[in-house]
C-alpha atoms as a PDB file:
ATOM      1  CA  UNK A   1      -4.555  15.787  -8.975  1.00  0.00           C
ATOM      2  CA  UNK A   2      -5.794  12.256  -7.943  1.00  0.00           C
ATOM      3  CA  UNK A   3      -3.755   9.225  -9.196  1.00  0.00           C
ATOM      4  CA  UNK A   4      -4.296   5.262  -9.171  1.00  0.00           C
ATOM      5  CA  UNK A   5      -2.038   2.318  -9.837  1.00  0.00           C
ATOM      6  CA  UNK A   6      -2.589  -1.310  -8.832  1.00  0.00           C
ATOM      7  CA  UNK A   7      -0.071  -4.075  -7.909  1.00  0.00           C
ATOM      8  CA  UNK A   8      -2.179  -7.624  -7.317  1.00  0.00           C
ATOM      9  CA  UNK A   9      -4.343  -6.896  -4.404  1.00  0.00           C
ATOM     10  CA  UNK A  10      -2.605  -3.662  -3.187  1.00  0.00           C
ATOM     11  CA  UNK A  11      -4.518  -0.139  -4.906  1.00  0.00           C
ATOM     12  CA  UNK A  12      -2.294   2.575  -4.252  1.00  0.00           C
ATOM     13  CA  UNK A  13      -4.380   6.093  -4.549  1.00  0.00           C
ATOM     14  CA  UNK A  14      -1.804   8.648  -4.341  1.00  0.00           C
ATOM     15  CA  UNK A  15      -3.025  12.602  -3.441  1.00  0.00           C
ATOM     16  CA  UNK A  16      -0.739  13.804  -6.840  1.00  0.00           C
ATOM     17  CA  UNK A  17      -0.323  18.090  -6.274  1.00  0.00           C
ATOM     18  CA  UNK A  18       2.793  17.960  -4.703  1.00  0.00           C
ATOM     19  CA  UNK A  19       3.328  21.839  -5.249  1.00  0.00           C
ATOM     20  CA  UNK A  20      -0.432  22.623  -3.386  1.00  0.00           C
ATOM     21  CA  UNK A  21       0.711  20.108  -0.783  1.00  0.00           C
ATOM     22  CA  UNK A  22      -1.499  17.697  -1.731  1.00  0.00           C
ATOM     23  CA  UNK A  23      -4.237  20.143  -1.059  1.00  0.00           C
ATOM     24  CA  UNK A  24      -7.961  18.697  -2.247  1.00  0.00           C
ATOM     25  CA  UNK A  25     -10.649  21.659  -3.957  1.00  0.00           C
ATOM     26  CA  UNK A  26     -14.192  20.614  -4.489  1.00  0.00           C
ATOM     27  CA  UNK A  27     -12.916  18.972  -7.719  1.00  0.00           C
ATOM     28  CA  UNK A  28     -10.581  16.819  -6.187  1.00  0.00           C
ATOM     29  CA  UNK A  29     -12.466  15.702  -3.693  1.00  0.00           C
ATOM     30  CA  UNK A  30     -15.244  14.943  -6.538  1.00  0.00           C
ATOM     31  CA  UNK A  31     -12.172  12.762  -8.230  1.00  0.00           C
ATOM     32  CA  UNK A  32     -11.443  11.393  -5.107  1.00  0.00           C
ATOM     33  CA  UNK A  33     -15.176  10.337  -3.711  1.00  0.00           C
ATOM     34  CA  UNK A  34     -15.111   8.719  -7.351  1.00  0.00           C
ATOM     35  CA  UNK A  35     -11.840   6.976  -7.303  1.00  0.00           C
ATOM     36  CA  UNK A  36     -12.983   5.578  -4.033  1.00  0.00           C
ATOM     37  CA  UNK A  37     -15.972   3.663  -4.721  1.00  0.00           C
ATOM     38  CA  UNK A  38     -14.584   2.384  -8.082  1.00  0.00           C
ATOM     39  CA  UNK A  39     -12.416  -0.059  -5.899  1.00  0.00           C
ATOM     40  CA  UNK A  40     -12.118  -3.977  -5.666  1.00  0.00           C
ATOM     41  CA  UNK A  41      -8.899  -4.576  -4.894  1.00  0.00           C
ATOM     42  CA  UNK A  42      -8.350  -6.084  -0.776  1.00  0.00           C
ATOM     43  CA  UNK A  43      -6.190  -3.115   0.023  1.00  0.00           C
ATOM     44  CA  UNK A  44      -5.850   0.342  -0.333  1.00  0.00           C
ATOM     45  CA  UNK A  45      -2.244   2.309   0.223  1.00  0.00           C
ATOM     46  CA  UNK A  46      -3.430   6.128   0.273  1.00  0.00           C
ATOM     47  CA  UNK A  47      -0.781   8.546  -0.017  1.00  0.00           C
ATOM     48  CA  UNK A  48       0.553  12.015  -0.860  1.00  0.00           C
ATOM     49  CA  UNK A  49       2.856  13.102  -3.833  1.00  0.00           C
ATOM     50  CA  UNK A  50       6.526  14.601  -2.526  1.00  0.00           C
ATOM     51  CA  UNK A  51       7.171  15.857   1.307  1.00  0.00           C
ATOM     52  CA  UNK A  52       3.384  16.221   2.358  1.00  0.00           C
ATOM     53  CA  UNK A  53       0.301  13.201   2.671  1.00  0.00           C
ATOM     54  CA  UNK A  54      -2.459  16.327   2.406  1.00  0.00           C
ATOM     55  CA  UNK A  55      -2.651  20.076   3.304  1.00  0.00           C
ATOM     56  CA  UNK A  56      -6.196  19.188   3.583  1.00  0.00           C
ATOM     57  CA  UNK A  57      -8.876  21.608   2.375  1.00  0.00           C
ATOM     58  CA  UNK A  58      -7.194  23.970  -0.773  1.00  0.00           C
ATOM     59  CA  UNK A  59      -7.747  27.421   1.377  1.00  0.00           C
ATOM     60  CA  UNK A  60      -7.736  29.661  -2.427  1.00  0.00           C
ATOM     61  CA  UNK A  61     -10.981  27.264  -2.786  1.00  0.00           C
ATOM     62  CA  UNK A  62     -12.745  27.954   0.086  1.00  0.00           C
ATOM     63  CA  UNK A  63     -12.266  31.955  -0.012  1.00  0.00           C
ATOM     64  CA  UNK A  64     -14.419  31.794  -2.966  1.00  0.00           C
ATOM     65  CA  UNK A  65     -16.961  29.597  -1.803  1.00  0.00           C
ATOM     66  CA  UNK A  66     -20.505  31.334  -0.274  1.00  0.00           C
ATOM     67  CA  UNK A  67     -22.791  29.250   2.664  1.00  0.00           C
ATOM     68  CA  UNK A  68     -24.554  27.109   0.897  1.00  0.00           C
ATOM     69  CA  UNK A  69     -21.228  26.046  -1.593  1.00  0.00           C
ATOM     70  CA  UNK A  70     -19.504  26.206   1.604  1.00  0.00           C
ATOM     71  CA  UNK A  71     -21.743  23.479   3.165  1.00  0.00           C
ATOM     72  CA  UNK A  72     -21.616  21.288   0.004  1.00  0.00           C
ATOM     73  CA  UNK A  73     -17.827  21.203  -0.194  1.00  0.00           C
ATOM     74  CA  UNK A  74     -18.295  19.651   3.695  1.00  0.00           C
ATOM     75  CA  UNK A  75     -20.361  17.445   3.068  1.00  0.00           C
ATOM     76  CA  UNK A  76     -18.300  16.249  -0.513  1.00  0.00           C
ATOM     77  CA  UNK A  77     -15.246  15.488   1.981  1.00  0.00           C
ATOM     78  CA  UNK A  78     -18.018  13.959   4.042  1.00  0.00           C
ATOM     79  CA  UNK A  79     -18.837  11.274   1.776  1.00  0.00           C
ATOM     80  CA  UNK A  80     -15.513  10.900   0.757  1.00  0.00           C
ATOM     81  CA  UNK A  81     -14.557   9.951   4.217  1.00  0.00           C
ATOM     82  CA  UNK A  82     -17.375   7.836   5.175  1.00  0.00           C
ATOM     83  CA  UNK A  83     -16.866   5.844   1.586  1.00  0.00           C
ATOM     84  CA  UNK A  84     -13.650   5.008   2.867  1.00  0.00           C
ATOM     85  CA  UNK A  85     -14.644   3.414   5.771  1.00  0.00           C
ATOM     86  CA  UNK A  86     -17.264   1.989   4.423  1.00  0.00           C
ATOM     87  CA  UNK A  87     -16.131   0.136   1.340  1.00  0.00           C
ATOM     88  CA  UNK A  88     -14.871  -3.752   1.765  1.00  0.00           C
ATOM     89  CA  UNK A  89     -11.016  -2.419   0.971  1.00  0.00           C
ATOM     90  CA  UNK A  90      -8.813  -2.548   3.832  1.00  0.00           C
ATOM     91  CA  UNK A  91      -7.594   1.423   3.632  1.00  0.00           C
ATOM     92  CA  UNK A  92      -4.352   2.371   4.461  1.00  0.00           C
ATOM     93  CA  UNK A  93      -3.092   5.336   4.809  1.00  0.00           C
ATOM     94  CA  UNK A  94       0.308   6.113   4.908  1.00  0.00           C
ATOM     95  CA  UNK A  95       1.429   9.321   6.063  1.00  0.00           C
ATOM     96  CA  UNK A  96       4.657  11.076   4.959  1.00  0.00           C
ATOM     97  CA  UNK A  97       5.328  14.794   5.834  1.00  0.00           C
ATOM     98  CA  UNK A  98       2.207  17.074   6.640  1.00  0.00           C
ATOM     99  CA  UNK A  99      -1.317  16.089   7.393  1.00  0.00           C
ATOM    100  CA  UNK A 100      -2.619  19.000   8.281  1.00  0.00           C
ATOM    101  CA  UNK A 101      -6.670  20.012   9.016  1.00  0.00           C
ATOM    102  CA  UNK A 102      -8.828  17.625   5.968  1.00  0.00           C
ATOM    103  CA  UNK A 103      -5.806  15.133   5.718  1.00  0.00           C
ATOM    104  CA  UNK A 104      -5.727  14.502   8.769  1.00  0.00           C
ATOM    105  CA  UNK A 105     -10.079  13.877   8.697  1.00  0.00           C
ATOM    106  CA  UNK A 106      -9.002  11.850   5.681  1.00  0.00           C
ATOM    107  CA  UNK A 107      -6.396   9.338   7.430  1.00  0.00           C
ATOM    108  CA  UNK A 108      -9.111   9.385  10.585  1.00  0.00           C
ATOM    109  CA  UNK A 109     -11.540   7.558   8.300  1.00  0.00           C
ATOM    110  CA  UNK A 110      -9.004   5.087   6.564  1.00  0.00           C
ATOM    111  CA  UNK A 111      -8.749   1.339   9.092  1.00  0.00           C
ATOM    112  CA  UNK A 112      -5.328   1.487   9.508  1.00  0.00           C
ATOM    113  CA  UNK A 113      -3.279   5.011   9.941  1.00  0.00           C
ATOM    114  CA  UNK A 114       0.655   4.704   9.139  1.00  0.00           C
ATOM    115  CA  UNK A 115       3.132   7.144   9.710  1.00  0.00           C
ATOM    116  CA  UNK A 116       6.919   7.569   8.404  1.00  0.00           C
ATOM    117  CA  UNK A 117       9.404   9.286  10.847  1.00  0.00           C
ATOM    118  CA  UNK A 118       8.920  12.630   8.932  1.00  0.00           C
ATOM    119  CA  UNK A 119       4.911  12.490   9.663  1.00  0.00           C
ATOM    120  CA  UNK A 120       3.570  15.653  11.596  1.00  0.00           C
ATOM    121  CA  UNK A 121      -0.507  16.320  12.280  1.00  0.00           C
ATOM    122  CA  UNK A 122      -1.740  18.917  12.606  1.00  0.00           C
ATOM    123  CA  UNK A 123      -5.865  20.384  12.982  1.00  0.00           C
ATOM    124  CA  UNK A 124      -4.990  23.953  11.938  1.00  0.00           C
ATOM    125  CA  UNK A 125      -8.734  25.237  11.034  1.00  0.00           C
ATOM    126  CA  UNK A 126      -9.057  27.230  14.494  1.00  0.00           C
ATOM    127  CA  UNK A 127      -6.226  29.343  13.248  1.00  0.00           C
ATOM    128  CA  UNK A 128      -8.099  30.578  10.817  1.00  0.00           C
ATOM    129  CA  UNK A 129     -11.513  30.721  12.463  1.00  0.00           C
ATOM    130  CA  UNK A 130     -12.772  27.552  10.727  1.00  0.00           C
ATOM    131  CA  UNK A 131     -12.407  23.977  12.047  1.00  0.00           C
ATOM    132  CA  UNK A 132     -12.100  20.184   9.841  1.00  0.00           C
ATOM    133  CA  UNK A 133     -15.457  19.248   8.681  1.00  0.00           C
ATOM    134  CA  UNK A 134     -14.991  16.462   7.346  1.00  0.00           C
ATOM    135  CA  UNK A 135     -16.390  13.710  10.256  1.00  0.00           C
ATOM    136  CA  UNK A 136     -13.275  14.954  12.140  1.00  0.00           C
ATOM    137  CA  UNK A 137     -15.498  16.415  14.859  1.00  0.00           C
ATOM    138  CA  UNK A 138     -16.974  13.398  15.515  1.00  0.00           C
ATOM    139  CA  UNK A 139     -13.919  10.720  14.306  1.00  0.00           C
ATOM    140  CA  UNK A 140     -10.916  12.664  16.104  1.00  0.00           C
ATOM    141  CA  UNK A 141     -12.746  12.163  19.536  1.00  0.00           C
ATOM    142  CA  UNK A 142     -13.172   8.853  19.084  1.00  0.00           C
ATOM    143  CA  UNK A 143      -9.817   7.557  17.989  1.00  0.00           C
ATOM    144  CA  UNK A 144      -7.400   9.508  19.906  1.00  0.00           C
ATOM    145  CA  UNK A 145     -10.083  10.073  22.820  1.00  0.00           C
ATOM    146  CA  UNK A 146     -12.374  13.485  24.103  1.00  0.00           C
ATOM    147  CA  UNK A 147      -9.850  15.231  25.615  1.00  0.00           C
ATOM    148  CA  UNK A 148      -6.658  14.773  22.691  1.00  0.00           C
ATOM    149  CA  UNK A 149      -8.901  15.411  20.173  1.00  0.00           C
ATOM    150  CA  UNK A 150      -9.960  18.874  21.988  1.00  0.00           C
ATOM    151  CA  UNK A 151      -6.394  19.881  23.077  1.00  0.00           C
ATOM    152  CA  UNK A 152      -5.622  19.176  18.932  1.00  0.00           C
ATOM    153  CA  UNK A 153      -8.478  20.956  17.843  1.00  0.00           C
ATOM    154  CA  UNK A 154      -8.463  24.118  20.011  1.00  0.00           C
ATOM    155  CA  UNK A 155      -4.719  24.503  20.233  1.00  0.00           C
ATOM    156  CA  UNK A 156      -3.842  24.266  16.190  1.00  0.00           C
ATOM    157  CA  UNK A 157      -0.259  22.744  17.681  1.00  0.00           C
ATOM    158  CA  UNK A 158       1.206  20.692  15.375  1.00  0.00           C
ATOM    159  CA  UNK A 159       2.993  17.005  16.782  1.00  0.00           C
ATOM    160  CA  UNK A 160       5.261  14.580  15.650  1.00  0.00           C
ATOM    161  CA  UNK A 161       4.676  11.190  14.669  1.00  0.00           C
ATOM    162  CA  UNK A 162       5.745  10.027  17.897  1.00  0.00           C
ATOM    163  CA  UNK A 163       3.368  11.846  20.106  1.00  0.00           C
ATOM    164  CA  UNK A 164       0.412  10.225  17.321  1.00  0.00           C
ATOM    165  CA  UNK A 165       1.621   7.220  17.979  1.00  0.00           C
ATOM    166  CA  UNK A 166       1.377   7.840  21.964  1.00  0.00           C
ATOM    167  CA  UNK A 167      -1.901   9.473  21.712  1.00  0.00           C
ATOM    168  CA  UNK A 168      -3.297   6.507  19.165  1.00  0.00           C
ATOM    169  CA  UNK A 169      -3.538   8.813  16.215  1.00  0.00           C
ATOM    170  CA  UNK A 170      -1.665   6.275  14.268  1.00  0.00           C
ATOM    171  CA  UNK A 171      -0.587   2.808  14.833  1.00  0.00           C
ATOM    172  CA  UNK A 172       2.649   2.548  13.516  1.00  0.00           C
ATOM    173  CA  UNK A 173       5.953   4.424  12.840  1.00  0.00           C
ATOM    174  CA  UNK A 174       7.048   2.630  10.208  1.00  0.00           C
ATOM    175  CA  UNK A 175       9.632   3.367   7.080  1.00  0.00           C
ATOM    176  CA  UNK A 176       7.662   2.068   4.404  1.00  0.00           C
ATOM    177  CA  UNK A 177       3.650   2.040   4.578  1.00  0.00           C
ATOM    178  CA  UNK A 178       3.489   0.098   1.522  1.00  0.00           C
ATOM    179  CA  UNK A 179       5.292  -2.525   2.491  1.00  0.00           C
ATOM    180  CA  UNK A 180       2.897  -2.624   5.196  1.00  0.00           C
ATOM    181  CA  UNK A 181      -0.237  -2.346   2.824  1.00  0.00           C
ATOM    182  CA  UNK A 182       1.460  -5.377   0.526  1.00  0.00           C
ATOM    183  CA  UNK A 183       1.570  -7.730   3.839  1.00  0.00           C
ATOM    184  CA  UNK A 184      -1.515  -6.940   4.866  1.00  0.00           C
ATOM    185  CA  UNK A 185      -2.981  -7.607   1.224  1.00  0.00           C
ATOM    186  CA  UNK A 186      -1.274 -10.954   1.530  1.00  0.00           C
ATOM    187  CA  UNK A 187      -4.185 -12.485   3.569  1.00  0.00           C
ATOM    188  CA  UNK A 188      -6.985 -14.144   2.489  1.00  0.00           C
ATOM    189  CA  UNK A 189      -9.089 -11.333   1.155  1.00  0.00           C
ATOM    190  CA  UNK A 190     -12.729 -12.750   2.452  1.00  0.00           C
ATOM    191  CA  UNK A 191     -10.933 -12.440   5.720  1.00  0.00           C
ATOM    192  CA  UNK A 192      -9.976  -9.449   5.481  1.00  0.00           C
ATOM    193  CA  UNK A 193     -13.481  -7.611   4.441  1.00  0.00           C
ATOM    194  CA  UNK A 194     -14.696  -9.771   7.403  1.00  0.00           C
ATOM    195  CA  UNK A 195     -12.949  -8.413   9.516  1.00  0.00           C
ATOM    196  CA  UNK A 196     -13.498  -4.180   8.720  1.00  0.00           C
ATOM    197  CA  UNK A 197     -17.201  -5.064   8.475  1.00  0.00           C
ATOM    198  CA  UNK A 198     -17.539  -6.765  12.019  1.00  0.00           C
ATOM    199  CA  UNK A 199     -14.929  -3.832  13.684  1.00  0.00           C
ATOM    200  CA  UNK A 200     -16.990  -1.071  11.907  1.00  0.00           C
ATOM    201  CA  UNK A 201     -20.159  -2.386  13.027  1.00  0.00           C
ATOM    202  CA  UNK A 202     -22.248  -0.290  15.435  1.00  0.00           C
ATOM    203  CA  UNK A 203     -25.035  -2.330  16.496  1.00  0.00           C
ATOM    204  CA  UNK A 204     -26.107  -3.341  19.698  1.00  0.00           C
ATOM    205  CA  UNK A 205     -23.955  -5.713  21.709  1.00  0.00           C
ATOM    206  CA  UNK A 206     -26.129  -8.688  21.339  1.00  0.00           C
ATOM    207  CA  UNK A 207     -26.235  -8.468  17.662  1.00  0.00           C
ATOM    208  CA  UNK A 208     -22.521  -7.557  17.042  1.00  0.00           C
ATOM    209  CA  UNK A 209     -22.034 -11.131  18.319  1.00  0.00           C
ATOM    210  CA  UNK A 210     -25.060 -13.020  16.432  1.00  0.00           C
ATOM    211  CA  UNK A 211     -23.283 -11.122  13.083  1.00  0.00           C
ATOM    212  CA  UNK A 212     -19.987 -12.332  14.693  1.00  0.00           C
ATOM    213  CA  UNK A 213     -20.675 -15.619  15.040  1.00  0.00           C
ATOM    214  CA  UNK A 214     -22.177 -16.012  10.978  1.00  0.00           C
ATOM    215  CA  UNK A 215     -19.640 -14.394  10.005  1.00  0.00           C
ATOM    216  CA  UNK A 216     -17.164 -17.043  11.561  1.00  0.00           C
ATOM    217  CA  UNK A 217     -19.332 -19.624  10.169  1.00  0.00           C
ATOM    218  CA  UNK A 218     -19.384 -18.636   6.789  1.00  0.00           C
ATOM    219  CA  UNK A 219     -15.268 -18.325   7.040  1.00  0.00           C
ATOM    220  CA  UNK A 220     -14.883 -21.586   8.113  1.00  0.00           C
ATOM    221  CA  UNK A 221     -16.975 -22.962   5.326  1.00  0.00           C
ATOM    222  CA  UNK A 222     -14.836 -21.886   2.605  1.00  0.00           C
ATOM    223  CA  UNK A 223     -11.683 -22.243   4.599  1.00  0.00           C
ATOM    224  CA  UNK A 224      -9.205 -24.909   3.589  1.00  0.00           C
ATOM    225  CA  UNK A 225      -8.049 -26.385   7.480  1.00  0.00           C
ATOM    226  CA  UNK A 226      -7.457 -30.207   6.215  1.00  0.00           C
ATOM    227  CA  UNK A 227      -3.683 -29.752   7.181  1.00  0.00           C
ATOM    228  CA  UNK A 228      -4.831 -28.812  10.821  1.00  0.00           C
ATOM    229  CA  UNK A 229      -7.225 -32.255  11.255  1.00  0.00           C
END
């Protein structure tokens, strides 16, 4: 279900269940959580196998959950998203084809979201009397604004890559997200980790400023800038 490969500074994590559009069961989420925690490469490219990125939760598995198990399923998805967000590695979501529900939520946790021209997005939970509970109710408004988030979640409508770009759900439309991931991985790994940590910092502004200056000073001490003297 979850396959991995490493090429230099880029690890590729593939949601590999194309016949189910890479929908995630409780077991797959647990596998993904363990996988995310195990990487130390500067960049991780998250992608889906086949014609979809990720259809979100495996509804066949969800249908068999009682309330307690459903609660744990939500918490498991949240742990995966939080791990993606908090790890030092820069996570690049390469979205090709459909991203639905939990698939959108996994992408939201990534640091960079890239879509191919064939990508589409929808928060479809409302159509089933549900909603995405892998952190999407707070990440989606943070990324696209409250108005756009409510529109997507309450309507359940599907948007294409260009509309996703206009509202800020993705940062670029590209033919090959793997190429972008490789380009990012070509930069200094310490600088990449430092930038992610600083931009993810939610401390008060004064503390953020202090941490920013400390981190910059540490990078200057180790950088080789002699050619610029």
